[in-house]
Amino acid sequence: MKIKKKSFLSLAFPIFLELLLVNVVGNVDTYMLGKFSDEAVGAVGGISQVLLIQNSIFGFICLGTSILTAQFIGAKKNIKIKEVIATSLLMNLIFGLLIGAGYIIFSEMIMKGIHLPENLMDIGRTYFKLVGGLCVFQALTLTCGAVMKSFGNTKQNLFINVGVNILNVIGNGMFIFGWFGAPILGTTGVGISTVFSRFIGCIVAIFIMKKYCKFKFDIRLYKPIRIKIIKNILGIGIPTAGENVAWNVGQLLIMSMVNSMGMASITARTYLMLISTLIMTFSIAAGHGSAILVGQHVGAHEYKEAYDTAIKSLKISLILVGAISLLITIFKVPVMKFFTVNPQVLEVAIKTFRCILLLELGRTFNIVIINSLHAAGDIKFPMIAGVGSIFFVAVFLSWLLGIKLGYGLLGVWIANAADEWARGLIMMWRWKSKKWQNKSFI
């Protein structure tokens, strides 16, 4: 199986467009549903928070899949590549079916558990059962996407996502606005549109993955079940998922502090987080691109090339993210006035803007190097260091600077920047130590 070597930017840029598309279309969905009713937006918004659980579960299996696949590609172990693909598809198929069944059986309990008002439960009930119950299509699509990225085929993923999202928007228009004479079904229609577009995406993703990765389903790949591969996938995914959970918990604690600072700070944080999400999209894409190349080099025992690839990827990423952040900072006033004209919100946000460049450069530093460590098989150290920094730097300094010393939202942004730089420098020390060289799964 011959794998074509690709450059960092040729891998990262399609991933960036894919992530950007997901964010933009997600907002378009909300906008379209908002034209139907605010209650529908509230119902789908509340349920969507629950559905994020499945993304975390599917995501950690996909992460383990992509790292193992990339390393076996580098080692040119074609049978092992096929075993990883077959095993990960089976794992996410089983998880998708079990989680979907759980959503359908316990939908009422879950909606009551998140304190969704009774009228919103009535509006979102069928949507929840459709989108949650049939999440298996998303599970398989994400798995195929992870495999494709490991092979360096990032453009194909982008095209699949474009097609799925176009189908979804057309479907939403049909069932929300009655396009093409379709019945207006509200949130139920949005659920039908989402499931149908994901089903088509799943079929196409499997077909494309089979074609570009030279994979064929064979019962011999499942007899016997590859227990070692399952252990490796979980061994990679679970610690990484724990790190992500810790970050989300930390951000919830920080958000509770911001909530005590008044409405202007709360609103300003929301807008600043939207801007950060846009910038962070490229940082995440850069991390994925670097991880693909590093994983392949590590699998081939090309440790010097792996080391140099991560450093080169980091330099390119810092230049690009720095340029984007600097541009947004220069035009901070018109950027913020695009979101709001409230003078109190503008005052808080513009004052905080001075930390945007520092924060995003630190975040890029952290994301690119930590993804490279993961790709090399170094999983536990980044998790332990990351969790410690989140709580002892980000959360503690947010309280100290934001609350105790009275710097408000600016103090919170300084604390988050300190956390990202602390983790980034720790990860760089780890990378330079080269202890990751004996962590490979090959």
Protein backbone atom coordinates (compact mmCIF):
# COMPACT_ATOMS: atom_id res chain seq x y z
CA MET A 1 0.00 0.00 0.00
CA LYS A 2 1.78 3.13 -1.22
CA ILE A 3 1.14 6.30 0.78
CA LYS A 4 1.83 9.67 -0.79
CA LYS A 5 3.74 12.03 1.50
CA LYS A 6 2.06 15.43 1.83
CA SER A 7 3.11 18.80 3.17
CA PHE A 8 1.89 20.24 6.45
CA LEU A 9 -0.18 23.01 4.83
CA SER A 10 -1.75 20.66 2.26
CA LEU A 11 -3.04 18.60 5.21
CA ALA A 12 -3.95 21.40 7.61
CA PHE A 13 -5.77 23.76 5.23
CA PRO A 14 -8.58 21.33 4.19
CA ILE A 15 -9.04 20.41 7.88
CA PHE A 16 -9.32 24.13 8.69
CA LEU A 17 -11.98 24.61 5.99
CA GLU A 18 -13.84 21.53 7.25
CA LEU A 19 -13.89 22.77 10.87
CA LEU A 20 -14.84 26.28 9.73
CA LEU A 21 -17.69 24.86 7.66
CA VAL A 22 -19.04 22.94 10.65
CA ASN A 23 -19.05 26.11 12.79
CA VAL A 24 -20.64 28.28 10.09
CA VAL A 25 -23.34 25.78 9.15
CA GLY A 26 -24.12 25.23 12.84
CA ASN A 27 -24.88 28.94 13.13
CA VAL A 28 -26.91 28.85 9.88
CA ASP A 29 -29.02 26.01 11.36
CA THR A 30 -29.70 28.10 14.46
CA TYR A 31 -30.55 31.15 12.32
CA MET A 32 -33.00 29.17 10.15
CA LEU A 33 -34.66 27.56 13.16
CA GLY A 34 -34.87 30.99 14.85
CA LYS A 35 -37.05 32.17 11.95
CA PHE A 36 -39.46 29.38 12.84
CA SER A 37 -39.65 30.05 16.60
CA ASP A 38 -37.47 30.98 19.57
CA GLU A 39 -38.89 28.01 21.47
CA ALA A 40 -37.61 25.65 18.76
CA VAL A 41 -34.13 27.16 19.10
CA GLY A 42 -34.29 26.70 22.88
CA ALA A 43 -35.42 23.08 22.60
CA VAL A 44 -32.77 22.07 20.03
CA GLY A 45 -30.09 24.09 21.84
CA GLY A 46 -30.74 22.30 25.15
CA ILE A 47 -30.85 18.86 23.54
CA SER A 48 -27.71 19.57 21.51
CA GLN A 49 -25.75 20.04 24.74
CA VAL A 50 -26.68 16.46 25.68
CA LEU A 51 -25.76 15.16 22.23
CA LEU A 52 -22.23 16.52 22.70
CA ILE A 53 -21.63 13.49 24.96
CA GLN A 54 -21.68 11.15 21.96
CA ASN A 55 -19.13 13.34 20.14
CA SER A 56 -16.70 12.92 23.04
CA ILE A 57 -17.09 9.13 23.03
CA PHE A 58 -16.81 8.77 19.25
CA GLY A 59 -14.01 11.33 19.27
CA PHE A 60 -11.69 9.46 21.64
CA ILE A 61 -12.09 6.25 19.60
CA CYS A 62 -11.33 8.23 16.42
CA LEU A 63 -8.25 9.77 18.03
CA GLY A 64 -6.89 6.35 18.95
CA THR A 65 -7.73 5.12 15.46
CA SER A 66 -5.94 7.99 13.70
CA ILE A 67 -2.76 7.67 15.81
CA LEU A 68 -2.51 3.88 15.41
CA THR A 69 -3.30 4.07 11.71
CA ALA A 70 -0.71 6.79 11.09
CA GLN A 71 1.99 4.83 12.94
CA PHE A 72 1.22 1.60 11.07
CA ILE A 73 1.25 3.53 7.79
CA GLY A 74 4.73 4.78 8.64
CA ALA A 75 5.79 1.23 9.53
CA LYS A 76 4.25 -0.05 6.27
CA LYS A 77 2.32 -2.75 8.16
CA ASN A 78 -0.64 -3.08 5.81
CA ILE A 79 -2.38 -5.93 7.63
CA LYS A 80 -2.25 -4.01 10.91
CA ILE A 81 -3.71 -0.93 9.18
CA LYS A 82 -6.68 -3.00 8.02
CA GLU A 83 -7.11 -4.51 11.49
CA VAL A 84 -7.19 -1.05 13.11
CA ILE A 85 -9.74 0.21 10.56
CA ALA A 86 -11.98 -2.85 10.99
CA THR A 87 -11.74 -2.79 14.80
CA SER A 88 -12.45 0.94 15.13
CA LEU A 89 -15.47 0.71 12.81
CA LEU A 90 -16.84 -2.15 14.92
CA MET A 91 -16.21 -0.24 18.17
CA ASN A 92 -17.97 2.92 17.02
CA LEU A 93 -20.77 0.88 15.46
CA ILE A 94 -21.41 -0.80 18.82
CA PHE A 95 -21.07 2.46 20.79
CA GLY A 96 -23.33 4.25 18.28
CA LEU A 97 -26.08 1.62 18.57
CA LEU A 98 -25.87 1.48 22.39
CA ILE A 99 -25.85 5.26 22.85
CA GLY A 100 -28.68 5.64 20.33
CA ALA A 101 -30.77 3.05 22.19
CA GLY A 102 -30.02 4.86 25.46
CA TYR A 103 -31.20 8.18 24.03
CA ILE A 104 -34.48 6.64 22.82
CA ILE A 105 -35.22 4.68 26.01
CA PHE A 106 -34.21 7.41 28.47
CA SER A 107 -35.13 10.51 26.44
CA GLU A 108 -37.79 11.69 28.91
CA MET A 109 -35.51 11.18 31.91
CA ILE A 110 -32.65 13.00 30.20
CA MET A 111 -34.75 16.01 29.19
CA LYS A 112 -36.14 16.29 32.72
CA GLY A 113 -32.63 15.86 34.11
CA ILE A 114 -31.39 18.96 32.26
CA HIS A 115 -34.49 20.86 33.47
CA LEU A 116 -35.83 21.47 29.98
CA PRO A 117 -39.23 23.19 30.36
CA GLU A 118 -42.26 21.04 29.57
CA ASN A 119 -43.22 23.06 26.47
CA LEU A 120 -39.69 22.70 25.06
CA MET A 121 -39.73 18.96 25.80
CA ASP A 122 -42.86 18.65 23.66
CA ILE A 123 -41.19 20.58 20.82
CA GLY A 124 -37.87 18.69 20.93
CA ARG A 125 -38.96 15.15 21.84
CA THR A 126 -39.07 13.67 18.32
CA TYR A 127 -35.94 15.59 17.30
CA PHE A 128 -34.05 14.06 20.24
CA LYS A 129 -35.14 10.52 19.39
CA LEU A 130 -34.29 10.93 15.71
CA VAL A 131 -30.91 12.65 15.94
CA GLY A 132 -29.81 10.91 19.15
CA GLY A 133 -31.27 7.51 18.37
CA LEU A 134 -29.62 7.31 14.95
CA CYS A 135 -26.24 8.75 15.99
CA VAL A 136 -24.60 5.57 14.65
CA PHE A 137 -24.37 7.22 11.20
CA GLN A 138 -22.27 10.01 12.70
CA ALA A 139 -20.12 7.47 14.56
CA LEU A 140 -19.20 5.61 11.37
CA THR A 141 -18.64 8.81 9.37
CA LEU A 142 -16.27 10.18 12.01
CA THR A 143 -14.35 6.89 12.07
CA CYS A 144 -13.93 6.90 8.29
CA GLY A 145 -12.84 10.54 8.52
CA ALA A 146 -10.18 9.71 11.11
CA VAL A 147 -8.80 6.94 8.89
CA MET A 148 -8.81 9.19 5.82
CA LYS A 149 -6.88 11.90 7.67
CA SER A 150 -4.26 9.38 8.78
CA PHE A 151 -3.69 8.54 5.12
CA GLY A 152 -3.34 12.25 4.36
CA ASN A 153 -6.64 12.40 2.42
CA THR A 154 -8.01 15.54 4.09
CA LYS A 155 -9.60 17.06 0.96
CA GLN A 156 -12.00 14.15 0.56
CA ASN A 157 -13.28 14.70 4.11
CA LEU A 158 -13.87 18.36 3.28
CA PHE A 159 -15.91 17.47 0.18
CA ILE A 160 -18.02 14.95 2.12
CA ASN A 161 -18.77 17.56 4.80
CA VAL A 162 -19.68 20.17 2.18
CA GLY A 163 -22.16 17.74 0.61
CA VAL A 164 -23.67 16.70 3.95
CA ASN A 165 -24.11 20.29 5.09
CA ILE A 166 -25.65 21.41 1.80
CA LEU A 167 -28.16 18.53 2.08
CA ASN A 168 -28.86 19.50 5.69
CA VAL A 169 -29.49 23.18 4.87
CA ILE A 170 -31.80 22.26 1.96
CA GLY A 171 -33.66 19.80 4.20
CA ASN A 172 -34.02 22.41 6.92
CA GLY A 173 -35.41 24.89 4.39
CA MET A 174 -37.94 22.29 3.19
CA PHE A 175 -39.28 21.43 6.62
CA ILE A 176 -38.98 24.88 8.25
CA PHE A 177 -40.05 27.16 5.37
CA GLY A 178 -41.90 24.69 3.12
CA TRP A 179 -39.44 24.79 0.18
CA PHE A 180 -40.45 22.65 -2.82
CA GLY A 181 -43.92 22.18 -1.33
CA ALA A 182 -42.68 20.14 1.65
CA PRO A 183 -44.75 20.07 4.86
CA ILE A 184 -43.63 22.45 7.62
CA LEU A 185 -42.59 20.15 10.48
CA GLY A 186 -40.39 22.45 12.63
CA THR A 187 -37.92 20.68 14.88
CA THR A 188 -39.13 17.24 13.75
CA GLY A 189 -38.33 18.23 10.19
CA VAL A 190 -34.89 19.46 11.23
CA GLY A 191 -34.34 16.06 12.86
CA ILE A 192 -35.36 14.24 9.67
CA SER A 193 -33.08 16.49 7.60
CA THR A 194 -30.14 15.94 9.97
CA VAL A 195 -30.51 12.16 10.05
CA PHE A 196 -31.01 11.85 6.27
CA SER A 197 -27.98 14.01 5.44
CA ARG A 198 -25.84 12.07 7.96
CA PHE A 199 -27.05 8.74 6.51
CA ILE A 200 -26.02 9.82 3.00
CA GLY A 201 -22.72 11.16 4.39
CA CYS A 202 -22.09 7.84 6.15
CA ILE A 203 -22.62 5.78 2.98
CA VAL A 204 -20.39 8.11 0.93
CA ALA A 205 -17.70 8.22 3.67
CA ILE A 206 -17.49 4.40 3.82
CA PHE A 207 -17.31 4.16 0.02
CA ILE A 208 -14.61 6.86 -0.22
CA MET A 209 -12.60 5.37 2.65
CA LYS A 210 -12.66 1.93 1.04
CA LYS A 211 -11.51 3.41 -2.28
CA TYR A 212 -8.72 5.72 -1.09
CA CYS A 213 -7.46 3.51 1.75
CA LYS A 214 -7.66 0.24 -0.21
CA PHE A 215 -9.84 -1.33 2.49
CA LYS A 216 -12.21 -4.27 2.04
CA PHE A 217 -14.50 -5.71 4.67
CA ASP A 218 -13.34 -9.22 5.50
CA ILE A 219 -14.69 -11.43 8.28
CA ARG A 220 -11.12 -12.60 8.95
CA LEU A 221 -10.32 -9.12 10.27
CA TYR A 222 -12.77 -9.78 13.12
CA LYS A 223 -11.82 -13.40 13.88
CA PRO A 224 -10.43 -13.27 16.45
CA ILE A 225 -11.32 -9.84 17.85
CA ARG A 226 -8.10 -7.80 18.07
CA ILE A 227 -8.03 -7.22 21.84
CA LYS A 228 -4.60 -5.53 21.76
CA ILE A 229 -5.81 -2.99 19.20
CA ILE A 230 -8.91 -2.27 21.30
CA LYS A 231 -6.70 -1.75 24.37
CA ASN A 232 -4.42 0.61 22.42
CA ILE A 233 -7.33 2.64 21.05
CA LEU A 234 -8.83 3.00 24.53
CA GLY A 235 -5.37 3.60 26.03
CA ILE A 236 -4.93 6.59 23.72
CA GLY A 237 -8.49 7.88 23.78
CA ILE A 238 -9.55 7.69 27.43
CA PRO A 239 -6.70 9.81 28.93
CA THR A 240 -7.15 12.38 26.15
CA ALA A 241 -10.90 12.47 26.80
CA GLY A 242 -10.12 13.03 30.51
CA GLU A 243 -7.98 16.02 29.60
CA ASN A 244 -10.81 17.47 27.49
CA VAL A 245 -13.32 16.93 30.31
CA ALA A 246 -10.97 18.71 32.74
CA TRP A 247 -10.69 21.67 30.34
CA ASN A 248 -14.49 21.89 30.02
CA VAL A 249 -14.94 21.69 33.82
CA GLY A 250 -12.30 24.39 34.25
CA GLN A 251 -14.07 26.64 31.75
CA LEU A 252 -17.38 26.10 33.57
CA LEU A 253 -15.75 27.21 36.84
CA ILE A 254 -14.26 30.25 35.12
CA MET A 255 -17.61 31.05 33.50
CA SER A 256 -19.26 31.01 36.93
CA MET A 257 -16.72 33.64 38.04
CA VAL A 258 -17.46 35.77 34.98
CA ASN A 259 -21.18 35.45 35.73
CA SER A 260 -20.54 37.32 39.00
CA MET A 261 -18.93 40.25 37.14
CA GLY A 262 -22.13 41.64 35.65
CA MET A 263 -24.02 41.46 32.37
CA ALA A 264 -21.46 43.50 30.38
CA SER A 265 -18.68 41.00 31.20
CA ILE A 266 -20.93 38.00 30.53
CA THR A 267 -21.94 39.33 27.11
CA ALA A 268 -18.40 40.45 26.22
CA ARG A 269 -17.06 36.98 27.09
CA THR A 270 -19.60 35.37 24.75
CA TYR A 271 -18.50 37.52 21.81
CA LEU A 272 -14.79 37.14 22.60
CA MET A 273 -15.21 33.36 22.79
CA LEU A 274 -16.79 33.40 19.31
CA ILE A 275 -13.74 35.27 17.98
CA SER A 276 -11.37 32.91 19.79
CA THR A 277 -13.22 29.90 18.37
CA LEU A 278 -12.62 31.21 14.84
CA ILE A 279 -8.88 31.67 15.48
CA MET A 280 -8.65 28.37 17.36
CA THR A 281 -10.10 26.55 14.34
CA PHE A 282 -6.78 26.98 12.53
CA SER A 283 -4.79 25.99 15.65
CA ILE A 284 -6.77 22.73 15.86
CA ALA A 285 -6.32 22.10 12.12
CA ALA A 286 -2.58 22.74 12.51
CA GLY A 287 -2.44 20.27 15.39
CA HIS A 288 -4.19 17.60 13.31
CA GLY A 289 -1.94 18.20 10.31
CA SER A 290 1.19 17.97 12.45
CA ALA A 291 -0.10 14.81 14.17
CA ILE A 292 -0.65 13.00 10.85
CA LEU A 293 2.93 13.62 9.71
CA VAL A 294 4.51 12.93 13.11
CA GLY A 295 2.56 9.66 13.49
CA GLN A 296 3.73 8.42 10.11
CA HIS A 297 7.37 9.32 10.85
CA VAL A 298 7.25 7.66 14.30
CA GLY A 299 5.76 4.52 12.77
CA ALA A 300 8.70 4.42 10.35
CA HIS A 301 11.13 5.04 13.26
CA GLU A 302 12.15 8.31 11.59
CA TYR A 303 12.47 10.15 14.90
CA LYS A 304 14.58 13.05 13.64
CA GLU A 305 12.07 13.71 10.85
CA ALA A 306 9.21 13.51 13.39
CA TYR A 307 10.98 15.98 15.69
CA ASP A 308 11.74 18.42 12.87
CA THR A 309 8.20 18.14 11.46
CA ALA A 310 6.61 19.21 14.75
CA ILE A 311 8.97 22.19 15.12
CA LYS A 312 8.44 23.29 11.51
CA SER A 313 4.65 22.92 11.85
CA LEU A 314 4.73 24.98 15.04
CA LYS A 315 6.67 27.82 13.39
CA ILE A 316 4.28 27.99 10.42
CA SER A 317 1.26 27.86 12.74
CA LEU A 318 2.55 30.61 15.03
CA ILE A 319 3.17 32.91 12.04
CA LEU A 320 -0.31 32.33 10.56
CA VAL A 321 -2.23 32.48 13.86
CA GLY A 322 -0.17 35.50 14.95
CA ALA A 323 -1.02 37.32 11.71
CA ILE A 324 -4.76 36.54 12.05
CA SER A 325 -4.82 37.53 15.75
CA LEU A 326 -2.88 40.74 15.10
CA LEU A 327 -5.23 41.71 12.26
CA ILE A 328 -8.31 41.14 14.42
CA THR A 329 -6.71 43.09 17.29
CA ILE A 330 -5.93 46.06 15.00
CA PHE A 331 -9.56 46.16 13.85
CA LYS A 332 -10.99 45.30 17.27
CA VAL A 333 -13.48 48.19 17.33
CA PRO A 334 -15.24 47.42 14.01
CA VAL A 335 -15.05 43.69 14.80
CA MET A 336 -16.83 44.17 18.13
CA LYS A 337 -19.34 46.64 16.64
CA PHE A 338 -20.32 43.89 14.22
CA PHE A 339 -21.66 42.00 17.27
CA THR A 340 -22.94 44.81 19.49
CA VAL A 341 -23.20 48.59 19.92
CA ASN A 342 -23.73 48.40 23.69
CA PRO A 343 -21.09 50.84 25.08
CA GLN A 344 -20.59 48.91 28.34
CA VAL A 345 -19.99 45.62 26.51
CA LEU A 346 -17.68 47.33 24.02
CA GLU A 347 -15.64 48.89 26.82
CA VAL A 348 -15.07 45.55 28.57
CA ALA A 349 -14.36 43.64 25.35
CA ILE A 350 -11.96 46.19 23.83
CA LYS A 351 -10.05 46.40 27.11
CA THR A 352 -9.68 42.59 27.06
CA PHE A 353 -8.65 42.51 23.41
CA ARG A 354 -5.04 43.34 24.31
CA CYS A 355 -4.64 39.70 25.45
CA ILE A 356 -6.06 38.06 22.30
CA LEU A 357 -2.69 37.83 20.54
CA LEU A 358 -0.90 36.49 23.62
CA LEU A 359 -3.62 33.93 24.34
CA GLU A 360 -3.97 32.58 20.80
CA LEU A 361 -0.21 32.24 20.26
CA GLY A 362 0.03 30.27 23.51
CA ARG A 363 -2.94 28.13 22.55
CA THR A 364 -1.37 27.33 19.16
CA PHE A 365 1.93 26.46 20.86
CA ASN A 366 0.09 24.08 23.16
CA ILE A 367 -2.21 22.46 20.59
CA VAL A 368 0.44 21.73 17.94
CA ILE A 369 2.98 20.22 20.34
CA ILE A 370 0.47 18.25 22.41
CA ASN A 371 -0.99 16.72 19.23
CA SER A 372 2.52 15.77 18.13
CA LEU A 373 3.13 14.07 21.49
CA HIS A 374 -0.16 12.19 21.17
CA ALA A 375 0.75 11.10 17.64
CA ALA A 376 4.06 9.74 18.94
CA GLY A 377 2.19 7.71 21.56
CA ASP A 378 3.03 9.93 24.55
CA ILE A 379 -0.40 10.14 26.19
CA LYS A 380 -0.21 10.12 30.01
CA PHE A 381 2.29 12.93 30.57
CA PRO A 382 0.33 15.53 28.53
CA MET A 383 -2.86 14.55 30.36
CA ILE A 384 -1.36 14.92 33.86
CA ALA A 385 0.43 18.19 33.03
CA GLY A 386 -2.65 19.55 31.24
CA VAL A 387 -5.11 18.81 34.05
CA GLY A 388 -2.74 20.33 36.62
CA SER A 389 -2.26 23.52 34.61
CA ILE A 390 -5.98 23.95 33.92
CA PHE A 391 -6.91 23.99 37.61
CA PHE A 392 -3.79 25.46 39.22
CA VAL A 393 -3.10 28.11 36.58
CA ALA A 394 -6.25 28.90 34.56
CA VAL A 395 -8.87 28.53 37.30
CA PHE A 396 -6.76 29.79 40.22
CA LEU A 397 -5.40 32.83 38.36
CA SER A 398 -8.88 33.65 37.03
CA TRP A 399 -10.07 33.88 40.63
CA LEU A 400 -6.96 35.77 41.80
CA LEU A 401 -6.76 38.28 38.94
CA GLY A 402 -10.40 38.47 37.91
CA ILE A 403 -12.15 38.41 41.30
CA LYS A 404 -9.69 39.02 44.12
CA LEU A 405 -7.59 41.75 42.46
CA GLY A 406 -10.52 43.17 40.51
CA TYR A 407 -9.17 43.01 36.94
CA GLY A 408 -12.44 41.46 35.78
CA LEU A 409 -12.62 39.85 32.35
CA LEU A 410 -9.13 41.10 31.48
CA GLY A 411 -7.78 39.11 34.46
CA VAL A 412 -9.59 36.00 33.22
CA TRP A 413 -8.04 36.35 29.76
CA ILE A 414 -4.57 36.83 31.29
CA ALA A 415 -5.13 33.67 33.36
CA ASN A 416 -6.17 31.66 30.28
CA ALA A 417 -3.14 32.95 28.37
CA ALA A 418 -0.88 31.93 31.28
CA ASP A 419 -2.43 28.44 31.25
CA GLU A 420 -1.93 27.98 27.50
CA TRP A 421 1.69 29.18 27.65
CA ALA A 422 2.43 27.07 30.74
CA ARG A 423 1.12 23.94 29.04
CA GLY A 424 2.80 24.85 25.76
CA LEU A 425 6.22 25.31 27.38
CA ILE A 426 5.85 22.11 29.42
CA MET A 427 4.91 20.19 26.26
CA MET A 428 7.85 21.73 24.37
CA TRP A 429 10.19 20.62 27.17
CA ARG A 430 8.73 17.13 26.85
CA TRP A 431 9.16 17.20 23.07
CA LYS A 432 12.76 18.38 23.32
CA SER A 433 13.50 15.69 25.92
CA LYS A 434 12.64 13.08 23.23
CA LYS A 435 11.16 10.74 25.86
CA TRP A 436 8.28 10.22 23.44
CA GLN A 437 10.57 8.16 21.19
CA ASN A 438 9.97 5.00 23.22
CA LYS A 439 6.17 5.47 23.48
CA SER A 440 5.25 4.19 20.01
CA PHE A 441 2.53 1.53 19.68
CA ILE A 442 4.41 -0.24 16.89
